[in-house]
């Protein structure tokens, strides 16, 4: 991860494919493969205001977690991994944000 080029621009397809892998490794236990979460315990991402809202808010929750909830911080993931998983979540299941998050945006967010 240390040798990643955060300035590389990835296609939406590349980000979604990588994001699906990152999601499977880090998010699926709580948010489930279908993005529905576990009602009353873990939030659904399918149709959520976070995954369909402003990118900055989505990135902030993935990186820093959410106080008062089970959502942990994932800032230990690389810029590429965070960009990929956020892009995946914003375009998976019934989510139609239609946008992408590039690693350079995550790099700037960290500053």
N, C-alpha and C. Protein backbone atom coordinates (compact mmCIF):
# COMPACT_ATOMS: atom_id res chain seq x y z
N UNK A 1 0.82 -1.21 0.00
CA UNK A 1 0.00 0.00 0.00
C UNK A 1 0.86 1.26 0.00
N UNK A 2 2.04 1.18 0.57
CA UNK A 2 2.90 2.35 0.66
C UNK A 2 3.35 2.83 -0.71
N UNK A 3 3.34 1.94 -1.70
CA UNK A 3 3.79 2.32 -3.03
C UNK A 3 2.64 2.70 -3.95
N UNK A 4 1.44 2.79 -3.42
CA UNK A 4 0.29 3.17 -4.24
C UNK A 4 0.46 4.58 -4.78
N UNK A 5 0.02 4.79 -6.00
CA UNK A 5 0.02 6.12 -6.58
C UNK A 5 -1.36 6.72 -6.32
N UNK A 6 -1.44 7.60 -5.32
CA UNK A 6 -2.74 8.18 -4.98
C UNK A 6 -3.25 9.13 -6.05
N UNK A 7 -2.39 9.50 -6.99
CA UNK A 7 -2.82 10.39 -8.06
C UNK A 7 -3.35 9.66 -9.28
N UNK A 8 -3.25 8.32 -9.27
CA UNK A 8 -3.80 7.56 -10.39
C UNK A 8 -5.31 7.73 -10.41
N UNK A 9 -5.86 7.92 -11.60
CA UNK A 9 -7.30 8.02 -11.76
C UNK A 9 -7.81 6.67 -12.23
N UNK A 10 -8.68 6.08 -11.44
CA UNK A 10 -9.24 4.77 -11.74
C UNK A 10 -10.60 4.93 -12.42
N UNK A 11 -10.96 3.94 -13.23
CA UNK A 11 -12.30 3.95 -13.81
C UNK A 11 -13.31 3.53 -12.75
N UNK A 12 -14.57 3.83 -12.98
CA UNK A 12 -15.62 3.41 -12.06
C UNK A 12 -15.62 1.90 -11.92
N UNK A 13 -15.40 1.20 -13.02
CA UNK A 13 -15.41 -0.26 -13.00
C UNK A 13 -14.28 -0.81 -12.14
N UNK A 14 -13.08 -0.21 -12.27
CA UNK A 14 -11.94 -0.65 -11.45
C UNK A 14 -12.22 -0.43 -9.96
N UNK A 15 -12.75 0.74 -9.65
CA UNK A 15 -13.03 1.05 -8.25
C UNK A 15 -14.10 0.14 -7.68
N UNK A 16 -15.16 -0.10 -8.45
CA UNK A 16 -16.24 -0.97 -7.95
C UNK A 16 -15.75 -2.40 -7.75
N UNK A 17 -14.92 -2.90 -8.67
CA UNK A 17 -14.41 -4.27 -8.54
C UNK A 17 -13.52 -4.40 -7.31
N UNK A 18 -12.62 -3.44 -7.11
CA UNK A 18 -11.76 -3.45 -5.92
C UNK A 18 -12.60 -3.22 -4.66
N UNK A 19 -13.56 -2.33 -4.76
CA UNK A 19 -14.42 -2.02 -3.61
C UNK A 19 -15.21 -3.21 -3.14
N UNK A 20 -15.65 -4.04 -4.07
CA UNK A 20 -16.39 -5.24 -3.69
C UNK A 20 -15.51 -6.17 -2.85
N UNK A 21 -14.22 -6.26 -3.21
CA UNK A 21 -13.27 -7.08 -2.44
C UNK A 21 -13.04 -6.49 -1.05
N UNK A 22 -12.85 -5.17 -0.99
CA UNK A 22 -12.63 -4.50 0.29
C UNK A 22 -13.86 -4.66 1.18
N UNK A 23 -15.04 -4.52 0.58
CA UNK A 23 -16.30 -4.68 1.32
C UNK A 23 -16.40 -6.09 1.89
N UNK A 24 -16.09 -7.09 1.07
CA UNK A 24 -16.17 -8.49 1.51
C UNK A 24 -15.22 -8.76 2.67
N UNK A 25 -14.07 -8.10 2.67
CA UNK A 25 -13.06 -8.34 3.71
C UNK A 25 -13.30 -7.53 4.98
N UNK A 26 -14.00 -6.39 4.89
CA UNK A 26 -14.08 -5.48 6.03
C UNK A 26 -15.48 -5.10 6.48
N UNK A 27 -16.47 -5.22 5.62
CA UNK A 27 -17.78 -4.63 5.91
C UNK A 27 -18.92 -5.64 5.98
N UNK A 28 -18.76 -6.75 5.27
CA UNK A 28 -19.88 -7.68 5.06
C UNK A 28 -20.40 -8.30 6.35
N UNK A 29 -19.55 -8.51 7.35
CA UNK A 29 -20.00 -9.15 8.59
C UNK A 29 -21.12 -8.36 9.25
N UNK A 30 -21.02 -7.05 9.21
CA UNK A 30 -22.05 -6.20 9.83
C UNK A 30 -23.12 -5.76 8.83
N UNK A 31 -22.69 -5.26 7.68
CA UNK A 31 -23.64 -4.68 6.73
C UNK A 31 -24.24 -5.70 5.77
N UNK A 32 -23.72 -6.95 5.80
CA UNK A 32 -24.24 -8.07 5.03
C UNK A 32 -23.96 -7.92 3.52
N UNK A 33 -23.94 -9.05 2.83
CA UNK A 33 -23.63 -9.08 1.40
C UNK A 33 -24.65 -8.29 0.58
N UNK A 34 -25.89 -8.25 1.05
CA UNK A 34 -26.94 -7.55 0.32
C UNK A 34 -27.08 -6.09 0.72
N UNK A 35 -26.20 -5.62 1.61
CA UNK A 35 -26.24 -4.22 2.03
C UNK A 35 -27.38 -3.90 2.98
N UNK A 36 -28.12 -4.91 3.44
CA UNK A 36 -29.29 -4.68 4.29
C UNK A 36 -28.95 -4.56 5.78
N UNK A 37 -27.71 -4.87 6.15
CA UNK A 37 -27.34 -4.81 7.56
C UNK A 37 -28.12 -5.81 8.38
N UNK A 38 -28.17 -5.59 9.68
CA UNK A 38 -28.97 -6.41 10.59
C UNK A 38 -29.85 -5.44 11.36
N UNK A 39 -31.16 -5.44 11.05
CA UNK A 39 -32.07 -4.45 11.66
C UNK A 39 -31.92 -4.36 13.18
N UNK A 40 -31.80 -3.14 13.65
CA UNK A 40 -31.67 -2.88 15.07
C UNK A 40 -30.25 -3.02 15.60
N UNK A 41 -29.35 -3.52 14.76
CA UNK A 41 -27.97 -3.73 15.20
C UNK A 41 -26.97 -3.03 14.30
N UNK A 42 -27.00 -3.36 13.00
CA UNK A 42 -26.07 -2.78 12.04
C UNK A 42 -26.85 -2.13 10.90
N UNK A 43 -26.51 -0.90 10.59
CA UNK A 43 -27.24 -0.12 9.60
C UNK A 43 -27.19 -0.73 8.20
N UNK A 44 -28.29 -0.58 7.50
CA UNK A 44 -28.34 -0.95 6.09
C UNK A 44 -27.61 0.13 5.29
N UNK A 45 -26.89 -0.29 4.26
CA UNK A 45 -26.26 0.66 3.34
C UNK A 45 -27.10 0.80 2.07
N UNK A 46 -27.84 -0.24 1.74
CA UNK A 46 -28.73 -0.20 0.59
C UNK A 46 -29.83 0.82 0.87
N UNK A 47 -29.85 1.88 0.09
CA UNK A 47 -30.86 2.91 0.26
C UNK A 47 -30.57 3.91 1.36
N UNK A 48 -29.40 3.82 1.99
CA UNK A 48 -29.11 4.72 3.12
C UNK A 48 -28.84 6.15 2.66
N UNK A 49 -29.15 7.08 3.57
CA UNK A 49 -28.88 8.50 3.29
C UNK A 49 -27.38 8.75 3.19
N UNK A 50 -26.59 7.96 3.92
CA UNK A 50 -25.13 8.13 3.88
C UNK A 50 -24.59 7.73 2.51
N UNK A 51 -24.95 6.54 2.05
CA UNK A 51 -24.42 6.02 0.78
C UNK A 51 -24.97 6.76 -0.43
N UNK A 52 -26.07 7.45 -0.26
CA UNK A 52 -26.66 8.19 -1.37
C UNK A 52 -26.53 9.70 -1.20
N UNK A 53 -25.88 10.12 -0.12
CA UNK A 53 -25.72 11.55 0.16
C UNK A 53 -24.38 12.08 -0.29
N UNK A 54 -23.96 13.20 0.29
CA UNK A 54 -22.67 13.80 -0.08
C UNK A 54 -21.50 12.84 0.17
N UNK A 55 -20.57 12.83 -0.77
CA UNK A 55 -19.41 11.93 -0.66
C UNK A 55 -18.62 12.17 0.62
N UNK A 56 -18.43 13.43 0.99
CA UNK A 56 -17.58 13.75 2.15
C UNK A 56 -18.11 13.11 3.42
N UNK A 57 -19.41 13.10 3.60
CA UNK A 57 -20.00 12.48 4.78
C UNK A 57 -19.79 10.98 4.80
N UNK A 58 -19.91 10.37 3.64
CA UNK A 58 -19.71 8.92 3.51
C UNK A 58 -18.26 8.57 3.82
N UNK A 59 -17.33 9.31 3.23
CA UNK A 59 -15.90 9.07 3.46
C UNK A 59 -15.57 9.25 4.94
N UNK A 60 -16.11 10.29 5.56
CA UNK A 60 -15.84 10.57 6.97
C UNK A 60 -16.25 9.39 7.85
N UNK A 61 -17.42 8.82 7.62
CA UNK A 61 -17.88 7.70 8.45
C UNK A 61 -17.02 6.46 8.22
N UNK A 62 -16.65 6.19 6.97
CA UNK A 62 -15.79 5.02 6.71
C UNK A 62 -14.43 5.21 7.40
N UNK A 63 -13.87 6.39 7.29
CA UNK A 63 -12.54 6.62 7.85
C UNK A 63 -12.53 6.75 9.37
N UNK A 64 -13.52 7.43 9.92
CA UNK A 64 -13.49 7.78 11.34
C UNK A 64 -14.51 7.06 12.21
N UNK A 65 -15.37 6.25 11.59
CA UNK A 65 -16.40 5.58 12.35
C UNK A 65 -17.51 6.54 12.74
N UNK A 66 -18.43 6.05 13.56
CA UNK A 66 -19.54 6.90 14.00
C UNK A 66 -19.73 6.70 15.50
N UNK A 67 -19.52 7.76 16.24
CA UNK A 67 -19.64 7.72 17.70
C UNK A 67 -21.03 7.25 18.11
N UNK A 68 -21.06 6.41 19.13
CA UNK A 68 -22.34 5.94 19.66
C UNK A 68 -22.93 4.77 18.90
N UNK A 69 -22.19 4.27 17.90
CA UNK A 69 -22.65 3.12 17.12
C UNK A 69 -21.53 2.08 17.07
N UNK A 70 -21.83 0.96 16.46
CA UNK A 70 -20.83 -0.10 16.30
C UNK A 70 -19.87 0.19 15.14
N UNK A 71 -20.13 1.26 14.38
CA UNK A 71 -19.31 1.57 13.21
C UNK A 71 -17.92 2.00 13.64
N UNK A 72 -16.94 1.15 13.32
CA UNK A 72 -15.54 1.40 13.66
C UNK A 72 -14.88 2.27 12.60
N UNK A 73 -13.74 2.85 12.94
CA UNK A 73 -12.94 3.62 12.00
C UNK A 73 -12.12 2.66 11.14
N UNK A 74 -12.04 2.99 9.85
CA UNK A 74 -11.25 2.18 8.92
C UNK A 74 -10.17 3.00 8.24
N UNK A 75 -9.65 4.01 8.94
CA UNK A 75 -8.62 4.87 8.35
C UNK A 75 -7.32 4.13 8.11
N UNK A 76 -7.19 2.92 8.68
CA UNK A 76 -5.99 2.11 8.44
C UNK A 76 -5.98 1.54 7.02
N UNK A 77 -7.11 1.53 6.34
CA UNK A 77 -7.13 1.08 4.94
C UNK A 77 -6.42 2.12 4.08
N UNK A 78 -5.92 1.70 2.95
CA UNK A 78 -5.21 2.61 2.05
C UNK A 78 -6.18 3.57 1.37
N UNK A 79 -5.64 4.63 0.78
CA UNK A 79 -6.46 5.59 0.04
C UNK A 79 -7.22 4.89 -1.08
N UNK A 80 -6.55 3.98 -1.78
CA UNK A 80 -7.20 3.25 -2.87
C UNK A 80 -8.33 2.38 -2.31
N UNK A 81 -8.08 1.69 -1.21
CA UNK A 81 -9.11 0.81 -0.64
C UNK A 81 -10.33 1.61 -0.18
N UNK A 82 -10.11 2.74 0.47
CA UNK A 82 -11.24 3.55 0.94
C UNK A 82 -12.00 4.12 -0.24
N UNK A 83 -11.29 4.65 -1.23
CA UNK A 83 -11.96 5.18 -2.43
C UNK A 83 -12.78 4.09 -3.10
N UNK A 84 -12.21 2.90 -3.18
CA UNK A 84 -12.89 1.79 -3.85
C UNK A 84 -14.13 1.35 -3.09
N UNK A 85 -14.03 1.18 -1.78
CA UNK A 85 -15.19 0.68 -1.03
C UNK A 85 -16.31 1.72 -0.98
N UNK A 86 -15.96 2.99 -0.88
CA UNK A 86 -17.00 4.03 -0.88
C UNK A 86 -17.67 4.08 -2.25
N UNK A 87 -16.89 4.00 -3.32
CA UNK A 87 -17.47 3.97 -4.67
C UNK A 87 -18.39 2.77 -4.82
N UNK A 88 -17.93 1.60 -4.36
CA UNK A 88 -18.76 0.39 -4.43
C UNK A 88 -20.08 0.59 -3.69
N UNK A 89 -20.01 1.05 -2.45
CA UNK A 89 -21.22 1.21 -1.64
C UNK A 89 -22.20 2.21 -2.25
N UNK A 90 -21.68 3.24 -2.91
CA UNK A 90 -22.54 4.27 -3.50
C UNK A 90 -23.20 3.81 -4.79
N UNK A 91 -22.73 2.67 -5.32
CA UNK A 91 -23.25 2.20 -6.61
C UNK A 91 -23.75 0.76 -6.56
N UNK A 92 -23.77 0.14 -5.39
CA UNK A 92 -24.20 -1.26 -5.25
C UNK A 92 -25.66 -1.33 -4.84
N UNK A 93 -26.20 -2.54 -4.96
CA UNK A 93 -27.57 -2.82 -4.53
C UNK A 93 -28.53 -1.84 -5.22
N UNK A 94 -29.33 -1.10 -4.48
CA UNK A 94 -30.24 -0.13 -5.08
C UNK A 94 -29.70 1.29 -5.05
N UNK A 95 -28.45 1.46 -4.62
CA UNK A 95 -27.88 2.80 -4.53
C UNK A 95 -27.51 3.31 -5.91
N UNK A 96 -27.86 4.54 -6.16
CA UNK A 96 -27.67 5.10 -7.50
C UNK A 96 -26.95 6.45 -7.47
N UNK A 97 -26.02 6.62 -6.52
CA UNK A 97 -25.29 7.89 -6.47
C UNK A 97 -24.62 8.15 -7.82
N UNK A 98 -24.10 7.07 -8.43
CA UNK A 98 -23.52 7.17 -9.76
C UNK A 98 -22.17 7.85 -9.82
N UNK A 99 -21.62 8.23 -8.67
CA UNK A 99 -20.34 8.92 -8.68
C UNK A 99 -19.22 7.97 -8.29
N UNK A 100 -18.00 8.46 -8.40
CA UNK A 100 -16.83 7.70 -7.98
C UNK A 100 -16.02 8.57 -7.02
N UNK A 101 -15.25 7.90 -6.19
CA UNK A 101 -14.33 8.59 -5.28
C UNK A 101 -12.94 8.13 -5.67
N UNK A 102 -12.07 9.07 -5.97
CA UNK A 102 -10.71 8.75 -6.36
C UNK A 102 -9.79 8.74 -5.14
N UNK A 103 -8.70 7.96 -5.19
CA UNK A 103 -7.75 7.93 -4.07
C UNK A 103 -7.21 9.32 -3.71
N UNK A 104 -7.04 10.18 -4.70
CA UNK A 104 -6.53 11.53 -4.41
C UNK A 104 -7.49 12.30 -3.49
N UNK A 105 -8.79 12.04 -3.61
CA UNK A 105 -9.77 12.68 -2.73
C UNK A 105 -9.60 12.20 -1.29
N UNK A 106 -9.33 10.91 -1.13
CA UNK A 106 -9.12 10.35 0.20
C UNK A 106 -7.84 10.93 0.79
N UNK A 107 -6.80 11.01 -0.03
CA UNK A 107 -5.53 11.58 0.41
C UNK A 107 -5.72 13.00 0.92
N UNK A 108 -6.51 13.80 0.20
CA UNK A 108 -6.78 15.18 0.63
C UNK A 108 -7.61 15.19 1.91
N UNK A 109 -8.55 14.27 2.03
CA UNK A 109 -9.41 14.20 3.20
C UNK A 109 -8.59 13.91 4.46
N UNK A 110 -7.51 13.15 4.31
CA UNK A 110 -6.67 12.80 5.46
C UNK A 110 -5.93 14.02 6.02
N UNK A 111 -5.75 15.04 5.20
CA UNK A 111 -4.94 16.20 5.60
C UNK A 111 -5.69 17.17 6.49
